[in-house]
Amino acid sequence: MSKIQSLTLALVIAASLPACAQPLPGGGPSVPPECKGLPTHAQLQMALSAARAQNNGGFNLDMWGVIVNRDGVVCAVAFTGVNRGAQWPGSRNIAAQKANTANAFSLPQLALSTANLYTATQPGGSLFGLQASNPVDPFVSYRGDPAEYGQIDDPMIGGHVGGVNVFGGGLGLYNSQGVLAGGLGVSGDSSCADHNIAWRTRHNLSLDYVPAGVSGDPTHPDNIVYDITNAPNLQIGVSASGWGHPICSAAATTIAGQLPAVQ
């Protein structure tokens, strides 16, 4: 490919990006105007770090956190460690998928956490195949300079990352007016600890005015549900409610039952 052809291709790709995703001089995209009202990078990082510092029943690992708006546009990406390599690199995309999933499958009147989707998406479940329904856009998730990952100008910001994840760590975000404003995803520890950290992060951000869910507990409507019973010859077991999630550790299960009530 000639230099002229390469330059033409680059210009075509840049022009095809939405205005909110056009790069800043520093290389990262601007924060979309439609993210107004959602937490900033600094607010997410502070809330996530405070949640990660508590005992969450996992491996005590550092975390990634991602927020998307109601349209699935990435608004903030942060991590808790000293640099981007202090937590699992693969968890950046998983956190984004969880945020997208929680937003995509929650409604103003019904919140579904990613943990709630585990059982129904297993083989034979009523939502089997959901994981393949909204693929990750690799251009959004892998573009840009890795040195900017988790920073205020993370290259993922402004893009529709997509993806569906069906284990703990993703929650819908409901503001004080009861409006479903988007989704939060965290990743970096066991899936059960991820849920506990996400729950505490959402609470720290005061975006937990959750109207209703499937957990059976109105004070914790979209909490993780531990009701899977192992059955003979069934590897995944049977969930009594249909919304169950596997147990990761006794500690994580106990902590989930003691999480702050929604507002």
C-alpha atoms as a PDB file:
ATOM      1  CA  MET A   1       0.000   0.000   0.000  1.00  0.00           C
ATOM      2  CA  SER A   2       1.392   3.402  -0.980  1.00  0.00           C
ATOM      3  CA  LYS A   3       1.764   6.301   1.453  1.00  0.00           C
ATOM      4  CA  ILE A   4      -1.088   8.122  -0.282  1.00  0.00           C
ATOM      5  CA  GLN A   5      -3.365   5.089   0.020  1.00  0.00           C
ATOM      6  CA  SER A   6      -2.434   4.685   3.699  1.00  0.00           C
ATOM      7  CA  LEU A   7      -3.176   8.344   4.414  1.00  0.00           C
ATOM      8  CA  THR A   8      -6.498   8.138   2.572  1.00  0.00           C
ATOM      9  CA  LEU A   9      -7.513   5.051   4.561  1.00  0.00           C
ATOM     10  CA  ALA A  10      -6.613   6.732   7.852  1.00  0.00           C
ATOM     11  CA  LEU A  11      -8.680   9.790   6.964  1.00  0.00           C
ATOM     12  CA  VAL A  12     -11.673   7.633   6.018  1.00  0.00           C
ATOM     13  CA  ILE A  13     -11.500   5.758   9.323  1.00  0.00           C
ATOM     14  CA  ALA A  14     -11.195   8.970  11.349  1.00  0.00           C
ATOM     15  CA  ALA A  15     -14.117  10.532   9.518  1.00  0.00           C
ATOM     16  CA  SER A  16     -16.277   7.472  10.212  1.00  0.00           C
ATOM     17  CA  LEU A  17     -15.907   7.861  13.991  1.00  0.00           C
ATOM     18  CA  PRO A  18     -18.711   9.634  15.827  1.00  0.00           C
ATOM     19  CA  ALA A  19     -17.908  13.186  16.836  1.00  0.00           C
ATOM     20  CA  CYS A  20     -17.705  12.217  20.496  1.00  0.00           C
ATOM     21  CA  ALA A  21     -14.928   9.746  19.720  1.00  0.00           C
ATOM     22  CA  GLN A  22     -12.647  12.048  17.742  1.00  0.00           C
ATOM     23  CA  PRO A  23      -9.175  11.993  19.291  1.00  0.00           C
ATOM     24  CA  LEU A  24      -7.804  14.779  21.426  1.00  0.00           C
ATOM     25  CA  PRO A  25      -4.306  16.167  20.772  1.00  0.00           C
ATOM     26  CA  GLY A  26      -2.970  13.837  23.465  1.00  0.00           C
ATOM     27  CA  GLY A  27      -4.241  10.786  21.599  1.00  0.00           C
ATOM     28  CA  GLY A  28      -7.315   9.900  23.664  1.00  0.00           C
ATOM     29  CA  PRO A  29     -10.923  10.611  22.710  1.00  0.00           C
ATOM     30  CA  SER A  30     -12.938  13.364  24.324  1.00  0.00           C
ATOM     31  CA  VAL A  31     -15.525  12.581  26.974  1.00  0.00           C
ATOM     32  CA  PRO A  32     -18.872  12.484  25.171  1.00  0.00           C
ATOM     33  CA  PRO A  33     -21.378  15.200  26.084  1.00  0.00           C
ATOM     34  CA  GLU A  34     -23.976  12.485  26.657  1.00  0.00           C
ATOM     35  CA  CYS A  35     -21.945  11.326  29.675  1.00  0.00           C
ATOM     36  CA  LYS A  36     -23.072  14.419  31.583  1.00  0.00           C
ATOM     37  CA  GLY A  37     -24.462  13.416  34.968  1.00  0.00           C
ATOM     38  CA  LEU A  38     -22.371  10.246  35.201  1.00  0.00           C
ATOM     39  CA  PRO A  39     -19.251   9.917  37.385  1.00  0.00           C
ATOM     40  CA  THR A  40     -15.976  11.330  36.139  1.00  0.00           C
ATOM     41  CA  HIS A  41     -12.795   9.312  35.899  1.00  0.00           C
ATOM     42  CA  ALA A  42     -11.644  10.686  39.280  1.00  0.00           C
ATOM     43  CA  GLN A  43     -14.959   9.867  40.949  1.00  0.00           C
ATOM     44  CA  LEU A  44     -14.983   6.335  39.564  1.00  0.00           C
ATOM     45  CA  GLN A  45     -11.391   5.728  40.615  1.00  0.00           C
ATOM     46  CA  MET A  46     -12.050   6.983  44.150  1.00  0.00           C
ATOM     47  CA  ALA A  47     -15.240   4.956  44.602  1.00  0.00           C
ATOM     48  CA  LEU A  48     -13.671   1.824  43.102  1.00  0.00           C
ATOM     49  CA  SER A  49     -10.542   2.109  45.253  1.00  0.00           C
ATOM     50  CA  ALA A  50     -12.605   2.488  48.422  1.00  0.00           C
ATOM     51  CA  ALA A  51     -14.656  -0.589  47.534  1.00  0.00           C
ATOM     52  CA  ARG A  52     -11.617  -2.647  46.595  1.00  0.00           C
ATOM     53  CA  ALA A  53      -9.948  -1.800  49.946  1.00  0.00           C
ATOM     54  CA  GLN A  54     -12.661  -3.681  51.866  1.00  0.00           C
ATOM     55  CA  ASN A  55     -12.803  -7.421  52.437  1.00  0.00           C
ATOM     56  CA  ASN A  56     -14.766  -8.720  49.459  1.00  0.00           C
ATOM     57  CA  GLY A  57     -14.234 -12.451  49.860  1.00  0.00           C
ATOM     58  CA  GLY A  58     -11.847 -12.811  46.936  1.00  0.00           C
ATOM     59  CA  PHE A  59      -8.099 -12.733  46.363  1.00  0.00           C
ATOM     60  CA  ASN A  60      -7.576  -9.095  47.391  1.00  0.00           C
ATOM     61  CA  LEU A  61      -6.583  -8.100  43.859  1.00  0.00           C
ATOM     62  CA  ASP A  62      -6.618  -4.739  42.117  1.00  0.00           C
ATOM     63  CA  MET A  63      -9.486  -3.920  39.826  1.00  0.00           C
ATOM     64  CA  TRP A  64     -10.635  -2.318  36.591  1.00  0.00           C
ATOM     65  CA  GLY A  65     -13.840  -0.295  36.482  1.00  0.00           C
ATOM     66  CA  VAL A  66     -15.836   0.985  33.504  1.00  0.00           C
ATOM     67  CA  ILE A  67     -18.957   3.128  33.236  1.00  0.00           C
ATOM     68  CA  VAL A  68     -21.205   3.360  30.170  1.00  0.00           C
ATOM     69  CA  ASN A  69     -24.187   5.615  29.603  1.00  0.00           C
ATOM     70  CA  ARG A  70     -27.683   4.460  28.668  1.00  0.00           C
ATOM     71  CA  ASP A  71     -26.695   4.195  25.013  1.00  0.00           C
ATOM     72  CA  GLY A  72     -23.725   1.983  25.868  1.00  0.00           C
ATOM     73  CA  VAL A  73     -21.147   4.693  25.212  1.00  0.00           C
ATOM     74  CA  VAL A  74     -18.059   4.319  27.413  1.00  0.00           C
ATOM     75  CA  CYS A  75     -17.783   7.316  29.732  1.00  0.00           C
ATOM     76  CA  ALA A  76     -15.021   6.431  32.207  1.00  0.00           C
ATOM     77  CA  VAL A  77     -12.346   3.759  32.672  1.00  0.00           C
ATOM     78  CA  ALA A  78     -10.216   3.458  35.825  1.00  0.00           C
ATOM     79  CA  PHE A  79      -8.095   1.020  37.799  1.00  0.00           C
ATOM     80  CA  THR A  80      -6.996   0.760  41.435  1.00  0.00           C
ATOM     81  CA  GLY A  81      -3.371  -0.345  41.162  1.00  0.00           C
ATOM     82  CA  VAL A  82      -0.197   1.683  40.801  1.00  0.00           C
ATOM     83  CA  ASN A  83      -0.189   1.196  37.024  1.00  0.00           C
ATOM     84  CA  ARG A  84      -2.166  -0.605  34.318  1.00  0.00           C
ATOM     85  CA  GLY A  85      -0.209  -3.821  34.881  1.00  0.00           C
ATOM     86  CA  ALA A  86      -1.076  -4.097  38.581  1.00  0.00           C
ATOM     87  CA  GLN A  87      -4.389  -5.763  37.701  1.00  0.00           C
ATOM     88  CA  TRP A  88      -5.192  -8.400  35.087  1.00  0.00           C
ATOM     89  CA  PRO A  89      -4.859  -6.683  31.676  1.00  0.00           C
ATOM     90  CA  GLY A  90      -7.698  -8.799  30.301  1.00  0.00           C
ATOM     91  CA  SER A  91     -10.059  -7.454  32.937  1.00  0.00           C
ATOM     92  CA  ARG A  92     -10.230  -4.027  31.290  1.00  0.00           C
ATOM     93  CA  ASN A  93     -12.342  -5.453  28.473  1.00  0.00           C
ATOM     94  CA  ILE A  94     -14.284  -7.718  30.828  1.00  0.00           C
ATOM     95  CA  ALA A  95     -15.220  -4.718  32.979  1.00  0.00           C
ATOM     96  CA  ALA A  96     -16.416  -2.908  29.856  1.00  0.00           C
ATOM     97  CA  GLN A  97     -18.486  -5.929  28.804  1.00  0.00           C
ATOM     98  CA  LYS A  98     -20.059  -6.106  32.262  1.00  0.00           C
ATOM     99  CA  ALA A  99     -20.970  -2.422  32.178  1.00  0.00           C
ATOM    100  CA  ASN A 100     -22.489  -2.845  28.733  1.00  0.00           C
ATOM    101  CA  THR A 101     -24.423  -5.955  29.785  1.00  0.00           C
ATOM    102  CA  ALA A 102     -25.877  -4.481  32.968  1.00  0.00           C
ATOM    103  CA  ASN A 103     -27.038  -1.434  31.046  1.00  0.00           C
ATOM    104  CA  ALA A 104     -28.292  -3.369  28.020  1.00  0.00           C
ATOM    105  CA  PHE A 105     -30.421  -5.808  30.018  1.00  0.00           C
ATOM    106  CA  SER A 106     -31.742  -3.542  32.757  1.00  0.00           C
ATOM    107  CA  LEU A 107     -34.868  -1.416  32.480  1.00  0.00           C
ATOM    108  CA  PRO A 108     -36.171   1.642  34.331  1.00  0.00           C
ATOM    109  CA  GLN A 109     -38.444  -0.655  36.338  1.00  0.00           C
ATOM    110  CA  LEU A 110     -36.279  -3.801  36.514  1.00  0.00           C
ATOM    111  CA  ALA A 111     -32.555  -4.122  37.234  1.00  0.00           C
ATOM    112  CA  LEU A 112     -30.570  -7.185  36.236  1.00  0.00           C
ATOM    113  CA  SER A 113     -26.999  -7.597  37.383  1.00  0.00           C
ATOM    114  CA  THR A 114     -24.630  -9.642  35.256  1.00  0.00           C
ATOM    115  CA  ALA A 115     -24.613 -12.196  38.088  1.00  0.00           C
ATOM    116  CA  ASN A 116     -28.366 -12.659  37.642  1.00  0.00           C
ATOM    117  CA  LEU A 117     -27.828 -13.816  34.047  1.00  0.00           C
ATOM    118  CA  TYR A 118     -25.570 -16.770  34.788  1.00  0.00           C
ATOM    119  CA  THR A 119     -28.089 -19.598  35.074  1.00  0.00           C
ATOM    120  CA  ALA A 120     -30.389 -18.599  32.224  1.00  0.00           C
ATOM    121  CA  THR A 121     -27.483 -18.426  29.771  1.00  0.00           C
ATOM    122  CA  GLN A 122     -26.176 -21.929  30.463  1.00  0.00           C
ATOM    123  CA  PRO A 123     -26.925 -24.748  27.981  1.00  0.00           C
ATOM    124  CA  GLY A 124     -30.616 -25.519  28.232  1.00  0.00           C
ATOM    125  CA  GLY A 125     -31.369 -22.175  29.859  1.00  0.00           C
ATOM    126  CA  SER A 126     -33.970 -19.757  28.548  1.00  0.00           C
ATOM    127  CA  LEU A 127     -31.304 -17.214  27.539  1.00  0.00           C
ATOM    128  CA  PHE A 128     -28.703 -19.621  26.184  1.00  0.00           C
ATOM    129  CA  GLY A 129     -26.763 -17.853  23.430  1.00  0.00           C
ATOM    130  CA  LEU A 130     -27.211 -14.382  24.901  1.00  0.00           C
ATOM    131  CA  GLN A 131     -23.430 -14.138  25.235  1.00  0.00           C
ATOM    132  CA  ALA A 132     -23.105 -14.026  21.447  1.00  0.00           C
ATOM    133  CA  SER A 133     -25.886 -11.511  20.844  1.00  0.00           C
ATOM    134  CA  ASN A 134     -23.912  -8.257  21.160  1.00  0.00           C
ATOM    135  CA  PRO A 135     -20.280  -8.851  20.177  1.00  0.00           C
ATOM    136  CA  VAL A 136     -17.427  -6.715  21.471  1.00  0.00           C
ATOM    137  CA  ASP A 137     -16.169  -4.170  18.975  1.00  0.00           C
ATOM    138  CA  PRO A 138     -12.410  -4.902  18.939  1.00  0.00           C
ATOM    139  CA  PHE A 139     -11.678  -1.539  17.318  1.00  0.00           C
ATOM    140  CA  VAL A 140     -13.112   0.212  20.378  1.00  0.00           C
ATOM    141  CA  SER A 141     -11.676  -2.143  22.987  1.00  0.00           C
ATOM    142  CA  TYR A 142      -8.125  -2.363  21.628  1.00  0.00           C
ATOM    143  CA  ARG A 143      -7.555   0.952  19.880  1.00  0.00           C
ATOM    144  CA  GLY A 144      -5.136   3.636  20.995  1.00  0.00           C
ATOM    145  CA  ASP A 145      -2.044   3.749  23.143  1.00  0.00           C
ATOM    146  CA  PRO A 146      -2.019   1.210  26.017  1.00  0.00           C
ATOM    147  CA  ALA A 147      -0.241   3.827  28.145  1.00  0.00           C
ATOM    148  CA  GLU A 148      -3.596   5.673  28.243  1.00  0.00           C
ATOM    149  CA  TYR A 149      -5.600   2.643  29.422  1.00  0.00           C
ATOM    150  CA  GLY A 150      -7.404   3.461  32.640  1.00  0.00           C
ATOM    151  CA  GLN A 151      -6.557   7.146  32.387  1.00  0.00           C
ATOM    152  CA  ILE A 152      -8.860  10.114  31.919  1.00  0.00           C
ATOM    153  CA  ASP A 153      -8.257   9.846  28.165  1.00  0.00           C
ATOM    154  CA  ASP A 154      -8.599   6.070  27.830  1.00  0.00           C
ATOM    155  CA  PRO A 155      -9.061   5.366  24.092  1.00  0.00           C
ATOM    156  CA  MET A 156     -12.207   3.314  24.818  1.00  0.00           C
ATOM    157  CA  ILE A 157     -14.061   6.441  25.940  1.00  0.00           C
ATOM    158  CA  GLY A 158     -16.639   7.634  23.440  1.00  0.00           C
ATOM    159  CA  GLY A 159     -17.039   4.269  21.758  1.00  0.00           C
ATOM    160  CA  HIS A 160     -19.744   1.596  21.883  1.00  0.00           C
ATOM    161  CA  VAL A 161     -17.687  -1.319  23.169  1.00  0.00           C
ATOM    162  CA  GLY A 162     -20.509  -3.892  23.229  1.00  0.00           C
ATOM    163  CA  GLY A 163     -20.086  -7.350  24.688  1.00  0.00           C
ATOM    164  CA  VAL A 164     -22.137  -9.555  27.007  1.00  0.00           C
ATOM    165  CA  ASN A 165     -20.802 -11.007  30.244  1.00  0.00           C
ATOM    166  CA  VAL A 166     -22.823 -13.326  32.476  1.00  0.00           C
ATOM    167  CA  PHE A 167     -21.017 -13.535  35.803  1.00  0.00           C
ATOM    168  CA  GLY A 168     -20.750 -11.167  38.751  1.00  0.00           C
ATOM    169  CA  GLY A 169     -19.452  -7.617  38.476  1.00  0.00           C
ATOM    170  CA  GLY A 170     -21.931  -5.625  36.378  1.00  0.00           C
ATOM    171  CA  LEU A 171     -24.734  -3.415  37.730  1.00  0.00           C
ATOM    172  CA  GLY A 172     -27.203  -0.892  36.370  1.00  0.00           C
ATOM    173  CA  LEU A 173     -26.798   2.707  37.552  1.00  0.00           C
ATOM    174  CA  TYR A 174     -29.937   4.458  38.847  1.00  0.00           C
ATOM    175  CA  ASN A 175     -29.759   8.084  39.933  1.00  0.00           C
ATOM    176  CA  SER A 176     -31.695   9.810  42.714  1.00  0.00           C
ATOM    177  CA  GLN A 177     -34.568  10.533  40.315  1.00  0.00           C
ATOM    178  CA  GLY A 178     -34.871   6.811  39.644  1.00  0.00           C
ATOM    179  CA  VAL A 179     -33.543   7.222  36.105  1.00  0.00           C
ATOM    180  CA  LEU A 180     -31.534   4.347  34.659  1.00  0.00           C
ATOM    181  CA  ALA A 181     -28.424   6.293  33.622  1.00  0.00           C
ATOM    182  CA  GLY A 182     -26.134   3.505  32.426  1.00  0.00           C
ATOM    183  CA  GLY A 183     -24.076   0.619  33.729  1.00  0.00           C
ATOM    184  CA  LEU A 184     -21.018  -0.130  35.859  1.00  0.00           C
ATOM    185  CA  GLY A 185     -18.654  -3.038  35.326  1.00  0.00           C
ATOM    186  CA  VAL A 186     -15.731  -4.118  37.488  1.00  0.00           C
ATOM    187  CA  SER A 187     -13.297  -6.976  36.976  1.00  0.00           C
ATOM    188  CA  GLY A 188     -10.043  -8.226  38.438  1.00  0.00           C
ATOM    189  CA  ASP A 189     -10.876 -10.733  41.172  1.00  0.00           C
ATOM    190  CA  SER A 190     -13.194 -13.733  41.504  1.00  0.00           C
ATOM    191  CA  SER A 191     -16.580 -13.118  39.897  1.00  0.00           C
ATOM    192  CA  CYS A 192     -18.235 -13.131  43.329  1.00  0.00           C
ATOM    193  CA  ALA A 193     -15.781 -10.580  44.730  1.00  0.00           C
ATOM    194  CA  ASP A 194     -16.263  -8.532  41.564  1.00  0.00           C
ATOM    195  CA  HIS A 195     -19.974  -8.338  42.338  1.00  0.00           C
ATOM    196  CA  ASN A 196     -19.337  -7.216  45.909  1.00  0.00           C
ATOM    197  CA  ILE A 197     -16.876  -4.564  44.735  1.00  0.00           C
ATOM    198  CA  ALA A 198     -19.247  -3.346  42.023  1.00  0.00           C
ATOM    199  CA  TRP A 199     -22.075  -3.113  44.552  1.00  0.00           C
ATOM    200  CA  ARG A 200     -19.977  -1.059  46.966  1.00  0.00           C
ATOM    201  CA  THR A 201     -18.646   1.125  44.144  1.00  0.00           C
ATOM    202  CA  ARG A 202     -22.186   1.910  42.986  1.00  0.00           C
ATOM    203  CA  HIS A 203     -23.187   2.692  46.540  1.00  0.00           C
ATOM    204  CA  ASN A 204     -20.170   4.989  46.946  1.00  0.00           C
ATOM    205  CA  LEU A 205     -21.279   6.824  43.801  1.00  0.00           C
ATOM    206  CA  SER A 206     -24.878   7.183  45.106  1.00  0.00           C
ATOM    207  CA  LEU A 207     -26.224   5.581  41.936  1.00  0.00           C
ATOM    208  CA  ASP A 208     -28.054   2.748  43.681  1.00  0.00           C
ATOM    209  CA  TYR A 209     -31.656   3.997  43.627  1.00  0.00           C
ATOM    210  CA  VAL A 210     -32.668   0.631  42.212  1.00  0.00           C
ATOM    211  CA  PRO A 211     -36.427   0.165  41.646  1.00  0.00           C
ATOM    212  CA  ALA A 212     -36.793  -3.618  41.497  1.00  0.00           C
ATOM    213  CA  GLY A 213     -34.972  -6.796  40.557  1.00  0.00           C
ATOM    214  CA  VAL A 214     -35.117 -10.578  40.622  1.00  0.00           C
ATOM    215  CA  SER A 215     -33.231 -11.394  43.823  1.00  0.00           C
ATOM    216  CA  GLY A 216     -36.354 -11.624  45.980  1.00  0.00           C
ATOM    217  CA  ASP A 217     -34.948  -9.053  48.419  1.00  0.00           C
ATOM    218  CA  PRO A 218     -36.411  -5.555  47.866  1.00  0.00           C
ATOM    219  CA  THR A 219     -33.521  -3.985  49.793  1.00  0.00           C
ATOM    220  CA  HIS A 220     -31.025  -5.660  47.428  1.00  0.00           C
ATOM    221  CA  PRO A 221     -33.064  -6.084  44.209  1.00  0.00           C
ATOM    222  CA  ASP A 222     -30.261  -6.984  41.791  1.00  0.00           C
ATOM    223  CA  ASN A 223     -27.986  -8.718  44.272  1.00  0.00           C
ATOM    224  CA  ILE A 224     -26.174 -11.922  43.374  1.00  0.00           C
ATOM    225  CA  VAL A 225     -28.311 -14.996  44.105  1.00  0.00           C
ATOM    226  CA  TYR A 226     -26.739 -18.116  45.577  1.00  0.00           C
ATOM    227  CA  ASP A 227     -29.362 -20.839  45.172  1.00  0.00           C
ATOM    228  CA  ILE A 228     -27.747 -23.331  42.806  1.00  0.00           C
ATOM    229  CA  THR A 229     -27.988 -26.911  44.023  1.00  0.00           C
ATOM    230  CA  ASN A 230     -25.785 -29.535  42.444  1.00  0.00           C
ATOM    231  CA  ALA A 231     -27.806 -32.306  40.908  1.00  0.00           C
ATOM    232  CA  PRO A 232     -26.655 -35.781  39.817  1.00  0.00           C
ATOM    233  CA  ASN A 233     -25.120 -35.756  36.325  1.00  0.00           C
ATOM    234  CA  LEU A 234     -25.700 -31.993  35.953  1.00  0.00           C
ATOM    235  CA  GLN A 235     -22.409 -30.132  35.956  1.00  0.00           C
ATOM    236  CA  ILE A 236     -23.882 -26.647  36.473  1.00  0.00           C
ATOM    237  CA  GLY A 237     -26.522 -27.624  39.021  1.00  0.00           C
ATOM    238  CA  VAL A 238     -30.047 -26.248  39.301  1.00  0.00           C
ATOM    239  CA  SER A 239     -31.002 -22.747  40.439  1.00  0.00           C
ATOM    240  CA  ALA A 240     -34.265 -22.630  42.394  1.00  0.00           C
ATOM    241  CA  SER A 241     -35.052 -19.102  41.219  1.00  0.00           C
ATOM    242  CA  GLY A 242     -33.548 -19.367  37.752  1.00  0.00           C
ATOM    243  CA  TRP A 243     -31.258 -16.412  38.521  1.00  0.00           C
ATOM    244  CA  GLY A 244     -28.544 -18.205  40.510  1.00  0.00           C
ATOM    245  CA  HIS A 245     -24.771 -17.754  40.386  1.00  0.00           C
ATOM    246  CA  PRO A 246     -22.115 -20.271  41.478  1.00  0.00           C
ATOM    247  CA  ILE A 247     -20.508 -19.875  44.885  1.00  0.00           C
ATOM    248  CA  CYS A 248     -16.881 -18.747  44.723  1.00  0.00           C
ATOM    249  CA  SER A 249     -16.127 -18.781  48.444  1.00  0.00           C
ATOM    250  CA  ALA A 250     -18.019 -18.881  51.709  1.00  0.00           C
ATOM    251  CA  ALA A 251     -16.617 -15.460  52.582  1.00  0.00           C
ATOM    252  CA  ALA A 252     -17.884 -13.829  49.375  1.00  0.00           C
ATOM    253  CA  THR A 253     -21.315 -15.368  49.887  1.00  0.00           C
ATOM    254  CA  THR A 254     -21.528 -14.044  53.445  1.00  0.00           C
ATOM    255  CA  ILE A 255     -20.406 -10.572  52.382  1.00  0.00           C
ATOM    256  CA  ALA A 256     -23.010 -10.449  49.603  1.00  0.00           C
ATOM    257  CA  GLY A 257     -25.688 -10.901  52.241  1.00  0.00           C
ATOM    258  CA  GLN A 258     -24.324  -7.934  54.196  1.00  0.00           C
ATOM    259  CA  LEU A 259     -23.934  -5.389  51.393  1.00  0.00           C
ATOM    260  CA  PRO A 260     -25.515  -1.940  51.853  1.00  0.00           C
ATOM    261  CA  ALA A 261     -29.205  -1.741  51.011  1.00  0.00           C
ATOM    262  CA  VAL A 262     -30.147   0.207  47.908  1.00  0.00           C
ATOM    263  CA  GLN A 263     -31.504   3.720  48.392  1.00  0.00           C
END
